[in-house]
C-alpha cells in the first residue's frame, strides 16, 4: 500500500517520510537500503572530520531510540541502523554529525 503524505507524515500509517520511502504498514528496509544509508552516513561522517559524541550523549541518544516507536528488532525502521549499545563507536549513535531520521536527536 502506498503512503499518502501530508507534511511528511503518512495519513494512513503515521510514519514520517525518510529518504522518500513511500511504503506503508510493515515497511522493512532491504539490505541494499540499509547498506546505502550506512555508507552515506559514514561518508558524511568522514567528510565532517569524524566528530564523536561523549559517553553521556551516546547514552542519551540510545535511551531515546529505546523508547522510539520506530525501533524494531534493535534497529531503526526508518534508516535501518542498528541500535545496539555494545556496538560502541561504529554507530550513528556515537557520530556527533549524524541526526535521527525522525528528528528526535
PDB file of N, CA and C in Angstrom:
ATOM      1  N   UNK A   1       0.853  -1.168   0.000  1.00  0.00           N
ATOM      2  CA  UNK A   1       0.000   0.000   0.000  1.00  0.00           C
ATOM      3  C   UNK A   1       0.900   1.232   0.000  1.00  0.00           C
ATOM      4  N   UNK A   2       0.559   2.220  -0.760  1.00  0.00           N
ATOM      5  CA  UNK A   2       1.341   3.444  -0.839  1.00  0.00           C
ATOM      6  C   UNK A   2       0.901   4.423   0.237  1.00  0.00           C
ATOM      7  N   UNK A   3       1.880   5.125   0.787  1.00  0.00           N
ATOM      8  CA  UNK A   3       1.572   6.156   1.773  1.00  0.00           C
ATOM      9  C   UNK A   3       0.924   7.357   1.101  1.00  0.00           C
ATOM     10  N   UNK A   4       0.150   8.063   1.872  1.00  0.00           N
ATOM     11  CA  UNK A   4      -0.394   9.354   1.449  1.00  0.00           C
ATOM     12  C   UNK A   4       0.144  10.377   2.439  1.00  0.00           C
ATOM     13  N   UNK A   5       1.180  11.117   2.003  1.00  0.00           N
ATOM     14  CA  UNK A   5       1.848  12.038   2.914  1.00  0.00           C
ATOM     15  C   UNK A   5       1.193  13.409   2.927  1.00  0.00           C
ATOM     16  N   UNK A   6       1.101  13.935   4.120  1.00  0.00           N
ATOM     17  CA  UNK A   6       0.690  15.313   4.351  1.00  0.00           C
ATOM     18  C   UNK A   6       1.688  15.863   5.364  1.00  0.00           C
ATOM     19  N   UNK A   7       2.461  16.875   4.960  1.00  0.00           N
ATOM     20  CA  UNK A   7       3.506  17.438   5.821  1.00  0.00           C
ATOM     21  C   UNK A   7       4.502  16.372   6.279  1.00  0.00           C
ATOM     22  N   UNK A   8       4.900  15.490   5.350  1.00  0.00           N
ATOM     23  CA  UNK A   8       5.886  14.431   5.589  1.00  0.00           C
ATOM     24  C   UNK A   8       5.443  13.373   6.594  1.00  0.00           C
ATOM     25  N   UNK A   9       4.139  13.279   6.897  1.00  0.00           N
ATOM     26  CA  UNK A   9       3.610  12.217   7.759  1.00  0.00           C
ATOM     27  C   UNK A   9       2.481  11.530   6.992  1.00  0.00           C
ATOM     28  N   UNK A  10       2.531  10.193   6.958  1.00  0.00           N
ATOM     29  CA  UNK A  10       1.507   9.439   6.242  1.00  0.00           C
ATOM     30  C   UNK A  10       0.180   9.492   6.996  1.00  0.00           C
ATOM     31  N   UNK A  11      -0.894   9.823   6.284  1.00  0.00           N
ATOM     32  CA  UNK A  11      -2.205   9.881   6.921  1.00  0.00           C
ATOM     33  C   UNK A  11      -2.768   8.485   7.164  1.00  0.00           C
ATOM     34  N   UNK A  12      -2.187   7.451   6.541  1.00  0.00           N
ATOM     35  CA  UNK A  12      -2.652   6.080   6.742  1.00  0.00           C
ATOM     36  C   UNK A  12      -1.971   5.386   7.915  1.00  0.00           C
ATOM     37  N   UNK A  13      -0.632   5.490   7.965  1.00  0.00           N
ATOM     38  CA  UNK A  13       0.105   4.720   8.971  1.00  0.00           C
ATOM     39  C   UNK A  13       0.811   5.588  10.007  1.00  0.00           C
ATOM     40  N   UNK A  14       0.908   6.903   9.753  1.00  0.00           N
ATOM     41  CA  UNK A  14       1.543   7.800  10.708  1.00  0.00           C
ATOM     42  C   UNK A  14       3.050   7.843  10.636  1.00  0.00           C
ATOM     43  N   UNK A  15       3.632   7.112   9.687  1.00  0.00           N
ATOM     44  CA  UNK A  15       5.088   7.111   9.572  1.00  0.00           C
ATOM     45  C   UNK A  15       5.570   8.421   8.982  1.00  0.00           C
ATOM     46  N   UNK A  16       6.787   8.797   9.393  1.00  0.00           N
ATOM     47  CA  UNK A  16       7.421  10.002   8.886  1.00  0.00           C
ATOM     48  C   UNK A  16       8.181   9.642   7.612  1.00  0.00           C
ATOM     49  N   UNK A  17       8.051  10.490   6.587  1.00  0.00           N
ATOM     50  CA  UNK A  17       8.767  10.234   5.330  1.00  0.00           C
ATOM     51  C   UNK A  17      10.259  10.401   5.571  1.00  0.00           C
ATOM     52  N   UNK A  18      11.050   9.443   5.073  1.00  0.00           N
ATOM     53  CA  UNK A  18      12.505   9.487   5.197  1.00  0.00           C
ATOM     54  C   UNK A  18      13.108   8.912   3.929  1.00  0.00           C
ATOM     55  N   UNK A  19      14.029   9.634   3.332  1.00  0.00           N
ATOM     56  CA  UNK A  19      14.676   9.206   2.091  1.00  0.00           C
ATOM     57  C   UNK A  19      13.658   8.857   1.012  1.00  0.00           C
ATOM     58  N   UNK A  20      12.540   9.582   1.010  1.00  0.00           N
ATOM     59  CA  UNK A  20      11.482   9.409   0.013  1.00  0.00           C
ATOM     60  C   UNK A  20      10.891   8.004  -0.026  1.00  0.00           C
ATOM     61  N   UNK A  21      11.020   7.242   1.080  1.00  0.00           N
ATOM     62  CA  UNK A  21      10.399   5.918   1.138  1.00  0.00           C
ATOM     63  C   UNK A  21       8.900   6.103   1.240  1.00  0.00           C
ATOM     64  N   UNK A  22       8.146   5.348   0.475  1.00  0.00           N
ATOM     65  CA  UNK A  22       6.725   5.574   0.356  1.00  0.00           C
ATOM     66  C   UNK A  22       5.863   4.377   0.763  1.00  0.00           C
ATOM     67  N   UNK A  23       6.436   3.357   1.385  1.00  0.00           N
ATOM     68  CA  UNK A  23       5.658   2.171   1.723  1.00  0.00           C
ATOM     69  C   UNK A  23       5.006   2.290   3.087  1.00  0.00           C
ATOM     70  N   UNK A  24       3.781   1.815   3.194  1.00  0.00           N
ATOM     71  CA  UNK A  24       3.045   1.813   4.461  1.00  0.00           C
ATOM     72  C   UNK A  24       3.154   0.452   5.137  1.00  0.00           C
ATOM     73  N   UNK A  25       2.561   0.392   6.311  1.00  0.00           N
ATOM     74  CA  UNK A  25       2.434  -0.879   7.012  1.00  0.00           C
ATOM     75  C   UNK A  25       3.756  -1.371   7.547  1.00  0.00           C
ATOM     76  N   UNK A  26       4.034  -2.658   7.380  1.00  0.00           N
ATOM     77  CA  UNK A  26       5.273  -3.245   7.869  1.00  0.00           C
ATOM     78  C   UNK A  26       6.383  -2.976   6.866  1.00  0.00           C
ATOM     79  N   UNK A  27       6.876  -1.780   6.895  1.00  0.00           N
ATOM     80  CA  UNK A  27       7.898  -1.335   5.967  1.00  0.00           C
ATOM     81  C   UNK A  27       9.268  -1.781   6.467  1.00  0.00           C
ATOM     82  N   UNK A  28       9.835  -2.790   5.835  1.00  0.00           N
ATOM     83  CA  UNK A  28      11.164  -3.263   6.211  1.00  0.00           C
ATOM     84  C   UNK A  28      12.134  -2.853   5.116  1.00  0.00           C
ATOM     85  N   UNK A  29      13.200  -2.197   5.511  1.00  0.00           N
ATOM     86  CA  UNK A  29      14.205  -1.781   4.547  1.00  0.00           C
ATOM     87  C   UNK A  29      14.933  -3.006   3.999  1.00  0.00           C
ATOM     88  N   UNK A  30      15.250  -2.951   2.726  1.00  0.00           N
ATOM     89  CA  UNK A  30      16.039  -4.035   2.143  1.00  0.00           C
ATOM     90  C   UNK A  30      17.480  -3.912   2.617  1.00  0.00           C
ATOM     91  N   UNK A  31      18.240  -4.967   2.445  1.00  0.00           N
ATOM     92  CA  UNK A  31      19.656  -4.941   2.803  1.00  0.00           C
ATOM     93  C   UNK A  31      20.354  -3.845   2.001  1.00  0.00           C
ATOM     94  N   UNK A  32      19.987  -3.686   0.744  1.00  0.00           N
ATOM     95  CA  UNK A  32      20.561  -2.640  -0.099  1.00  0.00           C
ATOM     96  C   UNK A  32      20.286  -1.260   0.480  1.00  0.00           C
ATOM     97  N   UNK A  33      19.050  -1.019   0.928  1.00  0.00           N
ATOM     98  CA  UNK A  33      18.704   0.266   1.535  1.00  0.00           C
ATOM     99  C   UNK A  33      19.528   0.518   2.793  1.00  0.00           C
ATOM    100  N   UNK A  34      19.666  -0.511   3.637  1.00  0.00           N
ATOM    101  CA  UNK A  34      20.438  -0.377   4.873  1.00  0.00           C
ATOM    102  C   UNK A  34      21.898  -0.054   4.585  1.00  0.00           C
ATOM    103  N   UNK A  35      22.482  -0.760   3.628  1.00  0.00           N
ATOM    104  CA  UNK A  35      23.878  -0.520   3.262  1.00  0.00           C
ATOM    105  C   UNK A  35      24.034   0.882   2.691  1.00  0.00           C
ATOM    106  N   UNK A  36      23.127   1.279   1.817  1.00  0.00           N
ATOM    107  CA  UNK A  36      23.180   2.611   1.211  1.00  0.00           C
ATOM    108  C   UNK A  36      23.092   3.690   2.288  1.00  0.00           C
ATOM    109  N   UNK A  37      22.183   3.532   3.241  1.00  0.00           N
ATOM    110  CA  UNK A  37      22.035   4.519   4.318  1.00  0.00           C
ATOM    111  C   UNK A  37      23.282   4.579   5.189  1.00  0.00           C
ATOM    112  N   UNK A  38      23.842   3.413   5.541  1.00  0.00           N
ATOM    113  CA  UNK A  38      25.023   3.399   6.400  1.00  0.00           C
ATOM    114  C   UNK A  38      26.241   3.974   5.677  1.00  0.00           C
ATOM    115  N   UNK A  39      26.444   3.594   4.437  1.00  0.00           N
ATOM    116  CA  UNK A  39      27.590   4.102   3.678  1.00  0.00           C
ATOM    117  C   UNK A  39      27.474   5.617   3.514  1.00  0.00           C
ATOM    118  N   UNK A  40      26.274   6.105   3.230  1.00  0.00           N
ATOM    119  CA  UNK A  40      26.078   7.553   3.121  1.00  0.00           C
ATOM    120  C   UNK A  40      26.405   8.263   4.419  1.00  0.00           C
ATOM    121  N   UNK A  41      25.957   7.702   5.546  1.00  0.00           N
ATOM    122  CA  UNK A  41      26.240   8.289   6.859  1.00  0.00           C
ATOM    123  C   UNK A  41      27.734   8.245   7.148  1.00  0.00           C
ATOM    124  N   UNK A  42      28.395   7.137   6.792  1.00  0.00           N
ATOM    125  CA  UNK A  42      29.826   7.007   7.038  1.00  0.00           C
ATOM    126  C   UNK A  42      30.624   8.006   6.197  1.00  0.00           C
ATOM    127  N   UNK A  43      30.227   8.199   4.950  1.00  0.00           N
ATOM    128  CA  UNK A  43      30.904   9.177   4.088  1.00  0.00           C
ATOM    129  C   UNK A  43      30.719  10.586   4.644  1.00  0.00           C
ATOM    130  N   UNK A  44      29.494  10.914   5.057  1.00  0.00           N
ATOM    131  CA  UNK A  44      29.241  12.228   5.662  1.00  0.00           C
ATOM    132  C   UNK A  44      30.068  12.413   6.933  1.00  0.00           C
ATOM    133  N   UNK A  45      30.167  11.350   7.733  1.00  0.00           N
ATOM    134  CA  UNK A  45      30.927  11.392   8.981  1.00  0.00           C
ATOM    135  C   UNK A  45      32.418  11.634   8.700  1.00  0.00           C
ATOM    136  N   UNK A  46      32.956  10.943   7.716  1.00  0.00           N
ATOM    137  CA  UNK A  46      34.356  11.153   7.321  1.00  0.00           C
ATOM    138  C   UNK A  46      34.575  12.581   6.828  1.00  0.00           C
ATOM    139  N   UNK A  47      33.666  13.063   5.993  1.00  0.00           N
ATOM    140  CA  UNK A  47      33.795  14.415   5.431  1.00  0.00           C
ATOM    141  C   UNK A  47      33.724  15.485   6.519  1.00  0.00           C
ATOM    142  N   UNK A  48      32.989  15.203   7.600  1.00  0.00           N
ATOM    143  CA  UNK A  48      32.859  16.161   8.708  1.00  0.00           C
ATOM    144  C   UNK A  48      34.049  16.109   9.655  1.00  0.00           C
ATOM    145  N   UNK A  49      34.992  15.207   9.418  1.00  0.00           N
ATOM    146  CA  UNK A  49      36.163  15.097  10.283  1.00  0.00           C
ATOM    147  C   UNK A  49      36.009  14.080  11.390  1.00  0.00           C
ATOM    148  N   UNK A  50      35.003  13.226  11.296  1.00  0.00           N
ATOM    149  CA  UNK A  50      34.739  12.138  12.238  1.00  0.00           C
ATOM    150  C   UNK A  50      34.514  12.611  13.682  1.00  0.00           C
ATOM    151  N   UNK A  51      33.674  13.624  13.890  1.00  0.00           N
ATOM    152  CA  UNK A  51      33.416  14.073  15.268  1.00  0.00           C
ATOM    153  C   UNK A  51      32.635  13.019  16.044  1.00  0.00           C
ATOM    154  N   UNK A  52      33.036  12.802  17.283  1.00  0.00           N
ATOM    155  CA  UNK A  52      32.414  11.779  18.115  1.00  0.00           C
ATOM    156  C   UNK A  52      31.669  12.411  19.288  1.00  0.00           C
ATOM    157  N   UNK A  53      30.610  11.756  19.719  1.00  0.00           N
ATOM    158  CA  UNK A  53      29.869  12.163  20.913  1.00  0.00           C
ATOM    159  C   UNK A  53      30.592  11.632  22.145  1.00  0.00           C
ATOM    160  N   UNK A  54      30.367  12.290  23.267  1.00  0.00           N
ATOM    161  CA  UNK A  54      30.894  11.741  24.513  1.00  0.00           C
ATOM    162  C   UNK A  54      29.938  10.649  25.005  1.00  0.00           C
ATOM    163  N   UNK A  55      30.365   9.918  26.025  1.00  0.00           N
ATOM    164  CA  UNK A  55      29.559   8.797  26.534  1.00  0.00           C
ATOM    165  C   UNK A  55      28.172   9.238  26.993  1.00  0.00           C
ATOM    166  N   UNK A  56      28.076  10.416  27.585  1.00  0.00           N
ATOM    167  CA  UNK A  56      26.792  10.917  28.067  1.00  0.00           C
ATOM    168  C   UNK A  56      25.815  11.134  26.908  1.00  0.00           C
ATOM    169  N   UNK A  57      26.304  11.703  25.805  1.00  0.00           N
ATOM    170  CA  UNK A  57      25.448  11.937  24.638  1.00  0.00           C
ATOM    171  C   UNK A  57      25.060  10.626  23.965  1.00  0.00           C
ATOM    172  N   UNK A  58      25.991   9.687  23.891  1.00  0.00           N
ATOM    173  CA  UNK A  58      25.671   8.377  23.307  1.00  0.00           C
ATOM    174  C   UNK A  58      24.567   7.712  24.125  1.00  0.00           C
ATOM    175  N   UNK A  59      24.680   7.748  25.444  1.00  0.00           N
ATOM    176  CA  UNK A  59      23.656   7.153  26.316  1.00  0.00           C
ATOM    177  C   UNK A  59      22.314   7.859  26.154  1.00  0.00           C
ATOM    178  N   UNK A  60      22.335   9.186  26.011  1.00  0.00           N
ATOM    179  CA  UNK A  60      21.097   9.945  25.824  1.00  0.00           C
ATOM    180  C   UNK A  60      20.414   9.537  24.515  1.00  0.00           C
ATOM    181  N   UNK A  61      21.186   9.474  23.441  1.00  0.00           N
ATOM    182  CA  UNK A  61      20.630   9.069  22.147  1.00  0.00           C
ATOM    183  C   UNK A  61      20.089   7.641  22.220  1.00  0.00           C
ATOM    184  N   UNK A  62      20.839   6.755  22.843  1.00  0.00           N
ATOM    185  CA  UNK A  62      20.432   5.360  22.964  1.00  0.00           C
ATOM    186  C   UNK A  62      19.106   5.250  23.712  1.00  0.00           C
ATOM    187  N   UNK A  63      18.968   5.986  24.811  1.00  0.00           N
ATOM    188  CA  UNK A  63      17.722   5.964  25.583  1.00  0.00           C
ATOM    189  C   UNK A  63      16.543   6.458  24.757  1.00  0.00           C
ATOM    190  N   UNK A  64      16.765   7.488  23.949  1.00  0.00           N
ATOM    191  CA  UNK A  64      15.699   7.995  23.075  1.00  0.00           C
ATOM    192  C   UNK A  64      15.295   6.921  22.073  1.00  0.00           C
ATOM    193  N   UNK A  65      16.282   6.275  21.474  1.00  0.00           N
ATOM    194  CA  UNK A  65      15.988   5.223  20.497  1.00  0.00           C
ATOM    195  C   UNK A  65      15.224   4.056  21.130  1.00  0.00           C
ATOM    196  N   UNK A  66      15.584   3.688  22.346  1.00  0.00           N
ATOM    197  CA  UNK A  66      14.915   2.560  23.006  1.00  0.00           C
ATOM    198  C   UNK A  66      13.435   2.816  23.241  1.00  0.00           C
ATOM    199  N   UNK A  67      13.050   4.082  23.367  1.00  0.00           N
ATOM    200  CA  UNK A  67      11.642   4.396  23.597  1.00  0.00           C
ATOM    201  C   UNK A  67      10.914   4.826  22.317  1.00  0.00           C
ATOM    202  N   UNK A  68      11.589   4.736  21.185  1.00  0.00           N
ATOM    203  CA  UNK A  68      11.015   5.216  19.912  1.00  0.00           C
ATOM    204  C   UNK A  68      10.089   4.176  19.282  1.00  0.00           C
ATOM    205  N   UNK A  69       9.016   4.671  18.692  1.00  0.00           N
ATOM    206  CA  UNK A  69       8.064   3.790  18.004  1.00  0.00           C
ATOM    207  C   UNK A  69       8.639   3.192  16.724  1.00  0.00           C
ATOM    208  N   UNK A  70       9.749   3.722  16.236  1.00  0.00           N
ATOM    209  CA  UNK A  70      10.369   3.217  15.010  1.00  0.00           C
ATOM    210  C   UNK A  70      11.436   2.161  15.285  1.00  0.00           C
ATOM    211  N   UNK A  71      11.663   1.806  16.552  1.00  0.00           N
ATOM    212  CA  UNK A  71      12.621   0.764  16.900  1.00  0.00           C
ATOM    213  C   UNK A  71      11.956  -0.598  16.733  1.00  0.00           C
ATOM    214  N   UNK A  72      12.512  -1.401  15.851  1.00  0.00           N
ATOM    215  CA  UNK A  72      12.006  -2.750  15.612  1.00  0.00           C
ATOM    216  C   UNK A  72      13.200  -3.694  15.515  1.00  0.00           C
ATOM    217  N   UNK A  73      13.208  -4.735  16.342  1.00  0.00           N
ATOM    218  CA  UNK A  73      14.282  -5.738  16.318  1.00  0.00           C
ATOM    219  C   UNK A  73      15.665  -5.094  16.447  1.00  0.00           C
ATOM    220  N   UNK A  74      15.790  -4.178  17.400  1.00  0.00           N
ATOM    221  CA  UNK A  74      17.058  -3.498  17.689  1.00  0.00           C
ATOM    222  C   UNK A  74      17.620  -2.706  16.517  1.00  0.00           C
ATOM    223  N   UNK A  75      16.729  -2.213  15.646  1.00  0.00           N
ATOM    224  CA  UNK A  75      17.163  -1.375  14.530  1.00  0.00           C
ATOM    225  C   UNK A  75      16.096  -0.319  14.254  1.00  0.00           C
ATOM    226  N   UNK A  76      16.541   0.794  13.709  1.00  0.00           N
ATOM    227  CA  UNK A  76      15.614   1.857  13.312  1.00  0.00           C
ATOM    228  C   UNK A  76      14.943   1.444  12.015  1.00  0.00           C
ATOM    229  N   UNK A  77      13.616   1.431  11.997  1.00  0.00           N
ATOM    230  CA  UNK A  77      12.926   1.032  10.775  1.00  0.00           C
ATOM    231  C   UNK A  77      12.918   2.143   9.728  1.00  0.00           C
ATOM    232  N   UNK A  78      13.336   3.356  10.088  1.00  0.00           N
ATOM    233  CA  UNK A  78      13.388   4.445   9.113  1.00  0.00           C
ATOM    234  C   UNK A  78      14.680   4.436   8.309  1.00  0.00           C
ATOM    235  N   UNK A  79      15.817   4.225   8.991  1.00  0.00           N
ATOM    236  CA  UNK A  79      17.101   4.259   8.280  1.00  0.00           C
ATOM    237  C   UNK A  79      17.784   2.899   8.244  1.00  0.00           C
ATOM    238  N   UNK A  80      17.378   1.976   9.136  1.00  0.00           N
ATOM    239  CA  UNK A  80      17.960   0.639   9.156  1.00  0.00           C
ATOM    240  C   UNK A  80      19.162   0.488  10.062  1.00  0.00           C
ATOM    241  N   UNK A  81      19.576   1.562  10.731  1.00  0.00           N
ATOM    242  CA  UNK A  81      20.766   1.486  11.584  1.00  0.00           C
ATOM    243  C   UNK A  81      20.487   0.665  12.841  1.00  0.00           C
ATOM    244  N   UNK A  82      21.456  -0.174  13.223  1.00  0.00           N
ATOM    245  CA  UNK A  82      21.300  -0.943  14.456  1.00  0.00           C
ATOM    246  C   UNK A  82      21.359  -0.028  15.676  1.00  0.00           C
ATOM    247  N   UNK A  83      20.566  -0.345  16.675  1.00  0.00           N
ATOM    248  CA  UNK A  83      20.529   0.421  17.926  1.00  0.00           C
ATOM    249  C   UNK A  83      20.962  -0.526  19.036  1.00  0.00           C
ATOM    250  N   UNK A  84      22.220  -0.884  19.010  1.00  0.00           N
ATOM    251  CA  UNK A  84      22.791  -1.785  20.000  1.00  0.00           C
ATOM    252  C   UNK A  84      23.935  -1.064  20.682  1.00  0.00           C
ATOM    253  N   UNK A  85      23.828  -0.869  21.967  1.00  0.00           N
ATOM    254  CA  UNK A  85      24.822  -0.108  22.718  1.00  0.00           C
ATOM    255  C   UNK A  85      26.204  -0.754  22.640  1.00  0.00           C
ATOM    256  N   UNK A  86      26.262  -2.070  22.608  1.00  0.00           N
ATOM    257  CA  UNK A  86      27.561  -2.725  22.604  1.00  0.00           C
ATOM    258  C   UNK A  86      28.314  -2.559  21.285  1.00  0.00           C
ATOM    259  N   UNK A  87      27.685  -1.993  20.265  1.00  0.00           N
ATOM    260  CA  UNK A  87      28.380  -1.754  19.006  1.00  0.00           C
ATOM    261  C   UNK A  87      29.411  -0.640  19.151  1.00  0.00           C
ATOM    262  N   UNK A  88      29.350   0.074  20.252  1.00  0.00           N
ATOM    263  CA  UNK A  88      30.352   1.101  20.515  1.00  0.00           C
ATOM    264  C   UNK A  88      30.304   2.240  19.539  1.00  0.00           C
ATOM    265  N   UNK A  89      31.397   2.464  18.872  1.00  0.00           N
ATOM    266  CA  UNK A  89      31.546   3.670  18.080  1.00  0.00           C
ATOM    267  C   UNK A  89      31.288   3.488  16.594  1.00  0.00           C
ATOM    268  N   UNK A  90      30.919   2.295  16.164  1.00  0.00           N
ATOM    269  CA  UNK A  90      30.578   2.081  14.765  1.00  0.00           C
ATOM    270  C   UNK A  90      29.059   2.190  14.645  1.00  0.00           C
ATOM    271  N   UNK A  91      28.577   3.383  14.934  1.00  0.00           N
ATOM    272  CA  UNK A  91      27.141   3.586  15.013  1.00  0.00           C
ATOM    273  C   UNK A  91      26.836   5.076  14.923  1.00  0.00           C
ATOM    274  N   UNK A  92      25.715   5.418  14.308  1.00  0.00           N
ATOM    275  CA  UNK A  92      25.304   6.821  14.245  1.00  0.00           C
ATOM    276  C   UNK A  92      25.025   7.381  15.637  1.00  0.00           C
ATOM    277  N   UNK A  93      24.790   6.511  16.613  1.00  0.00           N
ATOM    278  CA  UNK A  93      24.593   6.989  17.980  1.00  0.00           C
ATOM    279  C   UNK A  93      25.824   7.736  18.487  1.00  0.00           C
ATOM    280  N   UNK A  94      27.002   7.343  18.043  1.00  0.00           N
ATOM    281  CA  UNK A  94      28.254   7.919  18.529  1.00  0.00           C
ATOM    282  C   UNK A  94      28.808   9.008  17.619  1.00  0.00           C
ATOM    283  N   UNK A  95      28.257   9.163  16.446  1.00  0.00           N
ATOM    284  CA  UNK A  95      28.791  10.123  15.482  1.00  0.00           C
ATOM    285  C   UNK A  95      28.090  11.465  15.662  1.00  0.00           C
ATOM    286  N   UNK A  96      28.808  12.443  16.147  1.00  0.00           N
ATOM    287  CA  UNK A  96      28.230  13.739  16.520  1.00  0.00           C
ATOM    288  C   UNK A  96      27.584  14.482  15.350  1.00  0.00           C
ATOM    289  N   UNK A  97      28.023  14.225  14.141  1.00  0.00           N
ATOM    290  CA  UNK A  97      27.481  14.928  12.982  1.00  0.00           C
ATOM    291  C   UNK A  97      26.189  14.302  12.461  1.00  0.00           C
ATOM    292  N   UNK A  98      25.809  13.146  12.971  1.00  0.00           N
ATOM    293  CA  UNK A  98      24.624  12.439  12.472  1.00  0.00           C
ATOM    294  C   UNK A  98      23.371  12.811  13.257  1.00  0.00           C
ATOM    295  N   UNK A  99      22.236  12.673  12.620  1.00  0.00           N
ATOM    296  CA  UNK A  99      20.945  13.009  13.218  1.00  0.00           C
ATOM    297  C   UNK A  99      19.975  11.845  13.080  1.00  0.00           C
ATOM    298  N   UNK A 100      19.027  11.802  13.965  1.00  0.00           N
ATOM    299  CA  UNK A 100      17.953  10.814  13.915  1.00  0.00           C
ATOM    300  C   UNK A 100      17.051  11.130  12.718  1.00  0.00           C
ATOM    301  N   UNK A 101      16.642  10.112  11.943  1.00  0.00           N
ATOM    302  CA  UNK A 101      15.761  10.375  10.795  1.00  0.00           C
ATOM    303  C   UNK A 101      14.381  10.878  11.205  1.00  0.00           C
ATOM    304  N   UNK A 102      13.996  10.684  12.465  1.00  0.00           N
ATOM    305  CA  UNK A 102      12.707  11.193  12.965  1.00  0.00           C
ATOM    306  C   UNK A 102      12.906  12.488  13.746  1.00  0.00           C
ATOM    307  N   UNK A 103      14.109  13.051  13.679  1.00  0.00           N
ATOM    308  CA  UNK A 103      14.453  14.324  14.341  1.00  0.00           C
ATOM    309  C   UNK A 103      14.269  14.279  15.859  1.00  0.00           C
ATOM    310  N   UNK A 104      14.582  13.145  16.458  1.00  0.00           N
ATOM    311  CA  UNK A 104      14.450  13.018  17.924  1.00  0.00           C
ATOM    312  C   UNK A 104      15.761  13.342  18.635  1.00  0.00           C
ATOM    313  N   UNK A 105      16.870  13.314  17.926  1.00  0.00           N
ATOM    314  CA  UNK A 105      18.149  13.746  18.471  1.00  0.00           C
ATOM    315  C   UNK A 105      19.013  14.282  17.353  1.00  0.00           C
TER     316      UNK A 105
END
